[in-house]
C-alpha atoms as a PDB file:
ATOM      1  CA  MET A   1      25.701 -40.073 134.556  1.00  0.00           C
ATOM      2  CA  ARG A   2      26.860 -41.117 131.076  1.00  0.00           C
ATOM      3  CA  ALA A   3      24.191 -41.445 128.393  1.00  0.00           C
ATOM      4  CA  PRO A   4      23.775 -44.969 127.051  1.00  0.00           C
ATOM      5  CA  VAL A   5      25.496 -45.392 123.701  1.00  0.00           C
ATOM      6  CA  PRO A   6      22.266 -46.256 121.781  1.00  0.00           C
ATOM      7  CA  SER A   7      20.541 -43.127 123.124  1.00  0.00           C
ATOM      8  CA  LEU A   8      23.523 -40.935 122.204  1.00  0.00           C
ATOM      9  CA  LEU A   9      23.610 -42.317 118.671  1.00  0.00           C
ATOM     10  CA  ALA A  10      19.875 -41.762 118.289  1.00  0.00           C
ATOM     11  CA  TRP A  11      20.401 -38.099 119.221  1.00  0.00           C
ATOM     12  CA  LEU A  12      23.442 -37.614 116.995  1.00  0.00           C
ATOM     13  CA  ALA A  13      22.074 -39.296 113.848  1.00  0.00           C
ATOM     14  CA  PRO A  14      19.622 -36.540 112.814  1.00  0.00           C
ATOM     15  CA  LEU A  15      22.257 -33.875 113.544  1.00  0.00           C
ATOM     16  CA  LEU A  16      24.881 -35.621 111.392  1.00  0.00           C
ATOM     17  CA  LEU A  17      22.344 -36.049 108.593  1.00  0.00           C
ATOM     18  CA  LEU A  18      21.487 -32.351 108.722  1.00  0.00           C
ATOM     19  CA  LEU A  19      25.168 -31.352 108.673  1.00  0.00           C
ATOM     20  CA  GLY A  20      25.810 -33.671 105.759  1.00  0.00           C
ATOM     21  CA  ARG A  21      23.039 -32.053 103.750  1.00  0.00           C
ATOM     22  CA  ALA A  22      24.310 -28.574 104.588  1.00  0.00           C
ATOM     23  CA  ALA A  23      27.828 -29.479 103.447  1.00  0.00           C
ATOM     24  CA  ARG A  24      26.616 -30.926 100.145  1.00  0.00           C
ATOM     25  CA  PRO A  25      27.401 -28.565  97.225  1.00  0.00           C
ATOM     26  CA  ALA A  26      24.485 -26.970  95.420  1.00  0.00           C
ATOM     27  CA  ASP A  27      23.258 -28.807  92.354  1.00  0.00           C
ATOM     28  CA  ALA A  28      24.779 -27.361  89.208  1.00  0.00           C
ATOM     29  CA  CYS A  29      23.341 -27.101  85.734  1.00  0.00           C
ATOM     30  CA  SER A  30      24.333 -30.097  83.629  1.00  0.00           C
ATOM     31  CA  CYS A  31      23.850 -30.350  79.852  1.00  0.00           C
ATOM     32  CA  SER A  32      24.759 -32.963  77.266  1.00  0.00           C
ATOM     33  CA  PRO A  33      26.812 -31.534  74.370  1.00  0.00           C
ATOM     34  CA  VAL A  34      24.927 -31.195  71.094  1.00  0.00           C
ATOM     35  CA  HIS A  35      26.019 -30.323  67.582  1.00  0.00           C
ATOM     36  CA  PRO A  36      24.801 -26.844  66.472  1.00  0.00           C
ATOM     37  CA  GLN A  37      22.519 -28.517  63.926  1.00  0.00           C
ATOM     38  CA  GLN A  38      20.882 -30.563  66.692  1.00  0.00           C
ATOM     39  CA  ALA A  39      20.409 -27.422  68.758  1.00  0.00           C
ATOM     40  CA  PHE A  40      18.756 -25.738  65.767  1.00  0.00           C
ATOM     41  CA  CYS A  41      16.445 -28.666  65.102  1.00  0.00           C
ATOM     42  CA  ASN A  42      15.481 -29.103  68.775  1.00  0.00           C
ATOM     43  CA  ALA A  43      14.622 -25.416  69.276  1.00  0.00           C
ATOM     44  CA  ASP A  44      11.241 -23.794  68.712  1.00  0.00           C
ATOM     45  CA  LEU A  45      12.918 -20.498  67.893  1.00  0.00           C
ATOM     46  CA  VAL A  46      16.329 -19.491  66.542  1.00  0.00           C
ATOM     47  CA  ILE A  47      17.089 -15.778  66.273  1.00  0.00           C
ATOM     48  CA  ARG A  48      19.883 -13.267  65.940  1.00  0.00           C
ATOM     49  CA  ALA A  49      19.374 -10.546  68.528  1.00  0.00           C
ATOM     50  CA  LYS A  50      20.773  -8.002  70.979  1.00  0.00           C
ATOM     51  CA  ALA A  51      19.779  -7.698  74.642  1.00  0.00           C
ATOM     52  CA  VAL A  52      18.723  -4.123  75.400  1.00  0.00           C
ATOM     53  CA  SER A  53      17.962  -4.473  79.121  1.00  0.00           C
ATOM     54  CA  GLY A  54      17.445  -7.090  81.824  1.00  0.00           C
ATOM     55  CA  LYS A  55      15.649  -7.282  85.160  1.00  0.00           C
ATOM     56  CA  GLU A  56      14.358  -9.837  87.678  1.00  0.00           C
ATOM     57  CA  VAL A  57      10.618 -10.453  87.567  1.00  0.00           C
ATOM     58  CA  ASP A  58       8.051 -12.656  89.301  1.00  0.00           C
ATOM     59  CA  SER A  59       6.649 -15.470  87.145  1.00  0.00           C
ATOM     60  CA  GLY A  60       3.887 -16.862  89.309  1.00  0.00           C
ATOM     61  CA  ASN A  61       4.281 -19.229  92.254  1.00  0.00           C
ATOM     62  CA  ASP A  62       5.558 -22.770  92.718  1.00  0.00           C
ATOM     63  CA  VAL A  63       3.468 -25.601  94.198  1.00  0.00           C
ATOM     64  CA  TYR A  64       4.331 -24.373  97.710  1.00  0.00           C
ATOM     65  CA  GLY A  65       3.172 -20.825  97.035  1.00  0.00           C
ATOM     66  CA  ASN A  66       6.691 -19.361  96.792  1.00  0.00           C
ATOM     67  CA  PRO A  67       7.274 -16.752  94.061  1.00  0.00           C
ATOM     68  CA  ILE A  68       9.178 -17.952  90.996  1.00  0.00           C
ATOM     69  CA  LYS A  69      11.886 -15.503  89.975  1.00  0.00           C
ATOM     70  CA  ARG A  70      13.147 -15.200  86.411  1.00  0.00           C
ATOM     71  CA  ILE A  71      15.355 -12.781  84.509  1.00  0.00           C
ATOM     72  CA  GLN A  72      13.538 -10.919  81.759  1.00  0.00           C
ATOM     73  CA  TYR A  73      15.579  -9.561  78.866  1.00  0.00           C
ATOM     74  CA  GLU A  74      14.137  -6.999  76.517  1.00  0.00           C
ATOM     75  CA  ILE A  75      15.709  -7.697  73.133  1.00  0.00           C
ATOM     76  CA  LYS A  76      16.013  -6.259  69.654  1.00  0.00           C
ATOM     77  CA  GLN A  77      15.580  -9.034  67.102  1.00  0.00           C
ATOM     78  CA  ILE A  78      17.774  -8.738  64.024  1.00  0.00           C
ATOM     79  CA  LYS A  79      16.711 -11.880  62.170  1.00  0.00           C
ATOM     80  CA  MET A  80      14.475 -14.916  62.688  1.00  0.00           C
ATOM     81  CA  PHE A  81      16.003 -18.167  61.395  1.00  0.00           C
ATOM     82  CA  LYS A  82      13.344 -20.484  62.805  1.00  0.00           C
ATOM     83  CA  GLY A  83       9.962 -19.639  64.277  1.00  0.00           C
ATOM     84  CA  PRO A  84       6.825 -17.593  63.628  1.00  0.00           C
ATOM     85  CA  ASP A  85       6.594 -14.354  61.674  1.00  0.00           C
ATOM     86  CA  LYS A  86       6.104 -12.363  64.882  1.00  0.00           C
ATOM     87  CA  ASP A  87       9.260 -10.773  66.302  1.00  0.00           C
ATOM     88  CA  ILE A  88      10.529 -11.879  69.710  1.00  0.00           C
ATOM     89  CA  GLU A  89      10.543  -8.992  72.181  1.00  0.00           C
ATOM     90  CA  LEU A  90      11.189 -10.659  75.566  1.00  0.00           C
ATOM     91  CA  ILE A  91      13.454 -13.532  76.620  1.00  0.00           C
ATOM     92  CA  TYR A  92      13.151 -15.255  80.010  1.00  0.00           C
ATOM     93  CA  THR A  93      15.713 -17.365  81.845  1.00  0.00           C
ATOM     94  CA  ALA A  94      16.385 -18.694  85.347  1.00  0.00           C
ATOM     95  CA  PRO A  95      17.984 -16.248  87.822  1.00  0.00           C
ATOM     96  CA  SER A  96      21.348 -18.037  88.136  1.00  0.00           C
ATOM     97  CA  SER A  97      23.646 -20.364  86.211  1.00  0.00           C
ATOM     98  CA  ALA A  98      23.238 -22.992  88.958  1.00  0.00           C
ATOM     99  CA  VAL A  99      19.701 -23.540  87.666  1.00  0.00           C
ATOM    100  CA  CYS A 100      20.711 -23.134  84.000  1.00  0.00           C
ATOM    101  CA  GLY A 101      20.075 -19.397  83.784  1.00  0.00           C
ATOM    102  CA  VAL A 102      21.774 -17.509  80.952  1.00  0.00           C
ATOM    103  CA  SER A 103      23.564 -14.185  81.366  1.00  0.00           C
ATOM    104  CA  LEU A 104      23.407 -11.853  78.347  1.00  0.00           C
ATOM    105  CA  ASP A 105      25.276  -8.587  77.933  1.00  0.00           C
ATOM    106  CA  THR A 106      22.783  -5.737  77.903  1.00  0.00           C
ATOM    107  CA  GLY A 107      23.083  -2.353  76.266  1.00  0.00           C
ATOM    108  CA  GLY A 108      22.286  -3.460  72.734  1.00  0.00           C
ATOM    109  CA  LYS A 109      25.853  -3.743  71.460  1.00  0.00           C
ATOM    110  CA  LYS A 110      26.652  -7.477  71.546  1.00  0.00           C
ATOM    111  CA  GLU A 111      24.826  -9.683  69.043  1.00  0.00           C
ATOM    112  CA  TYR A 112      23.906 -13.295  69.860  1.00  0.00           C
ATOM    113  CA  LEU A 113      22.577 -16.340  68.111  1.00  0.00           C
ATOM    114  CA  ILE A 114      19.844 -17.527  70.476  1.00  0.00           C
ATOM    115  CA  ALA A 115      17.973 -20.835  70.284  1.00  0.00           C
ATOM    116  CA  GLY A 116      15.227 -21.651  72.762  1.00  0.00           C
ATOM    117  CA  LYS A 117      11.624 -22.540  73.522  1.00  0.00           C
ATOM    118  CA  SER A 118       8.609 -20.457  72.561  1.00  0.00           C
ATOM    119  CA  GLU A 119       6.313 -19.034  75.214  1.00  0.00           C
ATOM    120  CA  GLY A 120       4.039 -17.373  72.656  1.00  0.00           C
ATOM    121  CA  ASN A 121       3.134 -13.717  72.197  1.00  0.00           C
ATOM    122  CA  GLY A 122       6.655 -12.600  71.292  1.00  0.00           C
ATOM    123  CA  LYS A 123       8.307 -14.364  74.262  1.00  0.00           C
ATOM    124  CA  MET A 124      10.815 -17.202  74.575  1.00  0.00           C
ATOM    125  CA  HIS A 125      12.639 -19.088  77.337  1.00  0.00           C
ATOM    126  CA  ILE A 126      16.333 -20.039  77.259  1.00  0.00           C
ATOM    127  CA  THR A 127      18.679 -22.149  79.380  1.00  0.00           C
ATOM    128  CA  LEU A 128      22.394 -22.911  79.407  1.00  0.00           C
ATOM    129  CA  CYS A 129      21.544 -26.155  77.600  1.00  0.00           C
ATOM    130  CA  ASP A 130      20.304 -24.207  74.577  1.00  0.00           C
ATOM    131  CA  PHE A 131      22.637 -23.020  71.813  1.00  0.00           C
ATOM    132  CA  ILE A 132      23.403 -19.395  72.730  1.00  0.00           C
ATOM    133  CA  VAL A 133      26.659 -17.919  71.435  1.00  0.00           C
ATOM    134  CA  PRO A 134      28.009 -14.526  70.381  1.00  0.00           C
ATOM    135  CA  TRP A 135      27.219 -14.007  66.708  1.00  0.00           C
ATOM    136  CA  ASP A 136      30.857 -13.160  65.914  1.00  0.00           C
ATOM    137  CA  SER A 137      32.009 -16.549  67.255  1.00  0.00           C
ATOM    138  CA  LEU A 138      30.137 -18.461  64.538  1.00  0.00           C
ATOM    139  CA  SER A 139      31.988 -19.651  61.465  1.00  0.00           C
ATOM    140  CA  ALA A 140      30.900 -18.472  58.012  1.00  0.00           C
ATOM    141  CA  THR A 141      29.558 -21.977  57.337  1.00  0.00           C
ATOM    142  CA  GLN A 142      27.467 -21.980  60.519  1.00  0.00           C
ATOM    143  CA  LYS A 143      25.935 -18.612  59.627  1.00  0.00           C
ATOM    144  CA  LYS A 144      25.027 -19.830  56.141  1.00  0.00           C
ATOM    145  CA  SER A 145      23.669 -23.126  57.482  1.00  0.00           C
ATOM    146  CA  LEU A 146      21.130 -21.307  59.649  1.00  0.00           C
ATOM    147  CA  ASN A 147      19.231 -20.199  56.552  1.00  0.00           C
ATOM    148  CA  GLN A 148      18.516 -23.621  55.049  1.00  0.00           C
ATOM    149  CA  ARG A 149      21.090 -26.355  55.485  1.00  0.00           C
ATOM    150  CA  TYR A 150      20.504 -27.257  59.154  1.00  0.00           C
ATOM    151  CA  GLN A 151      16.786 -27.567  58.454  1.00  0.00           C
ATOM    152  CA  MET A 152      17.539 -30.033  55.632  1.00  0.00           C
ATOM    153  CA  GLY A 153      19.073 -32.412  58.182  1.00  0.00           C
ATOM    154  CA  CYS A 154      16.506 -32.265  60.973  1.00  0.00           C
ATOM    155  CA  GLU A 155      15.311 -35.794  60.122  1.00  0.00           C
ATOM    156  CA  CYS A 156      18.871 -37.090  60.556  1.00  0.00           C
ATOM    157  CA  LYS A 157      20.388 -38.225  63.836  1.00  0.00           C
ATOM    158  CA  ILE A 158      23.748 -36.884  65.021  1.00  0.00           C
ATOM    159  CA  SER A 159      25.428 -39.186  67.556  1.00  0.00           C
ATOM    160  CA  ARG A 160      28.349 -37.956  69.636  1.00  0.00           C
ATOM    161  CA  CYS A 161      31.335 -40.286  69.758  1.00  0.00           C
ATOM    162  CA  PRO A 162      32.649 -40.182  73.350  1.00  0.00           C
ATOM    163  CA  SER A 163      35.578 -42.574  72.772  1.00  0.00           C
ATOM    164  CA  ILE A 164      37.151 -44.792  70.149  1.00  0.00           C
ATOM    165  CA  PRO A 165      35.840 -47.094  68.739  1.00  0.00           C
ATOM    166  CA  CYS A 166      32.342 -45.844  67.943  1.00  0.00           C
ATOM    167  CA  PHE A 167      30.016 -46.732  65.100  1.00  0.00           C
ATOM    168  CA  VAL A 168      26.804 -45.580  63.445  1.00  0.00           C
ATOM    169  CA  SER A 169      23.806 -47.804  64.137  1.00  0.00           C
ATOM    170  CA  SER A 170      21.663 -46.804  61.152  1.00  0.00           C
ATOM    171  CA  SER A 171      21.985 -45.202  57.716  1.00  0.00           C
ATOM    172  CA  ASP A 172      20.226 -42.006  58.835  1.00  0.00           C
ATOM    173  CA  GLU A 173      22.919 -41.290  61.427  1.00  0.00           C
ATOM    174  CA  CYS A 174      26.047 -39.092  61.345  1.00  0.00           C
ATOM    175  CA  LEU A 175      28.881 -39.716  63.811  1.00  0.00           C
ATOM    176  CA  TRP A 176      30.099 -36.571  65.601  1.00  0.00           C
ATOM    177  CA  THR A 177      33.772 -37.139  66.449  1.00  0.00           C
ATOM    178  CA  ASP A 178      35.034 -33.672  67.461  1.00  0.00           C
ATOM    179  CA  TRP A 179      35.529 -34.720  71.083  1.00  0.00           C
ATOM    180  CA  VAL A 180      37.740 -37.728  70.331  1.00  0.00           C
ATOM    181  CA  THR A 181      39.712 -36.083  67.527  1.00  0.00           C
ATOM    182  CA  GLU A 182      40.163 -32.589  68.976  1.00  0.00           C
ATOM    183  CA  LYS A 183      39.088 -32.875  72.645  1.00  0.00           C
ATOM    184  CA  ASN A 184      36.706 -30.041  71.867  1.00  0.00           C
ATOM    185  CA  ILE A 185      32.995 -30.096  71.085  1.00  0.00           C
ATOM    186  CA  ASN A 186      33.411 -26.942  69.010  1.00  0.00           C
ATOM    187  CA  GLY A 187      35.670 -28.604  66.453  1.00  0.00           C
ATOM    188  CA  ARG A 188      35.685 -28.967  62.659  1.00  0.00           C
ATOM    189  CA  GLN A 189      32.427 -30.895  62.390  1.00  0.00           C
ATOM    190  CA  ALA A 190      30.612 -28.408  64.614  1.00  0.00           C
ATOM    191  CA  LYS A 191      31.978 -25.385  62.759  1.00  0.00           C
ATOM    192  CA  HIS A 192      32.022 -26.567  59.146  1.00  0.00           C
ATOM    193  CA  TYR A 193      29.684 -29.548  58.643  1.00  0.00           C
ATOM    194  CA  ALA A 194      26.001 -30.398  58.588  1.00  0.00           C
ATOM    195  CA  CYS A 195      24.379 -33.835  58.546  1.00  0.00           C
ATOM    196  CA  ILE A 196      22.171 -33.862  55.421  1.00  0.00           C
ATOM    197  CA  LYS A 197      19.472 -36.341  54.397  1.00  0.00           C
ATOM    198  CA  ARG A 198      19.950 -37.615  50.861  1.00  0.00           C
ATOM    199  CA  SER A 199      17.500 -38.875  48.271  1.00  0.00           C
ATOM    200  CA  ASP A 200      17.942 -42.528  49.292  1.00  0.00           C
ATOM    201  CA  GLY A 201      17.031 -41.741  52.930  1.00  0.00           C
ATOM    202  CA  SER A 202      20.578 -42.007  54.261  1.00  0.00           C
ATOM    203  CA  CYS A 203      22.374 -39.132  55.992  1.00  0.00           C
ATOM    204  CA  ALA A 204      25.946 -37.943  55.538  1.00  0.00           C
ATOM    205  CA  TRP A 205      28.182 -35.067  56.585  1.00  0.00           C
ATOM    206  CA  TYR A 206      28.302 -32.242  54.069  1.00  0.00           C
ATOM    207  CA  ARG A 207      30.836 -29.418  54.089  1.00  0.00           C
ATOM    208  CA  GLY A 208      30.457 -26.126  52.283  1.00  0.00           C
ATOM    209  CA  MET A 209      28.632 -22.834  52.660  1.00  0.00           C
ATOM    210  CA  ALA A 210      26.349 -23.400  49.670  1.00  0.00           C
ATOM    211  CA  PRO A 211      23.325 -25.729  49.892  1.00  0.00           C
ATOM    212  CA  PRO A 212      24.153 -29.316  48.822  1.00  0.00           C
ATOM    213  CA  LYS A 213      23.980 -29.975  45.082  1.00  0.00           C
ATOM    214  CA  GLN A 214      21.773 -32.672  43.643  1.00  0.00           C
ATOM    215  CA  GLU A 215      24.815 -34.883  42.921  1.00  0.00           C
ATOM    216  CA  PHE A 216      25.518 -35.073  46.658  1.00  0.00           C
ATOM    217  CA  LEU A 217      21.902 -35.819  47.508  1.00  0.00           C
ATOM    218  CA  ASP A 218      21.736 -38.575  44.876  1.00  0.00           C
ATOM    219  CA  ILE A 219      24.875 -40.454  46.013  1.00  0.00           C
ATOM    220  CA  GLU A 220      23.918 -43.965  47.138  1.00  0.00           C
ATOM    221  CA  ASP A 221      26.958 -44.843  49.233  1.00  0.00           C
ATOM    222  CA  PRO A 222      27.145 -42.640  52.418  1.00  0.00           C
END
């Protein structure tokens, strides 16, 4: 005897829903691009370091009682650009890139610039959305800016221009146009410029490895 159509559909619906969920790709890590200066200002800690070793560790349990896995990197800090006087010894991150975990080369040979969140007691947490790059990939201007210049612009706002036309909405804003001019978020403004607050409260792009001179800070017209 043939099953009535409504009954058949009622039986198939949950199965189709389950199959649809199984076929759905896993959620990937998604981050909005930020200028290196923004990444510096948003971070609790910014260091130059090498990863000596890495291993998976338990970090407590979730709300359902399941163990939370993280990767723990033992690091050798070379320099602290932003953060407390205490050296960072351990860095934690999620176990896979799908959940924004970061993979660092271990062995203590490759140096990184690492920005992230403090966990206290010489520990920090990092994700793929933080600014983490090989030290050798930074421009000379970026390396110099880590010492003082980025900090001088932390009260400024850097707005990414996704398409032309785009405009600043306030005097304390710098327009980041690398994507529309070079189709690359790691363009000239990212590598060679910082958005600096001037004496009149406005902000403007400044280029150069040396800290801005007073003449630049005193200019009235952005």
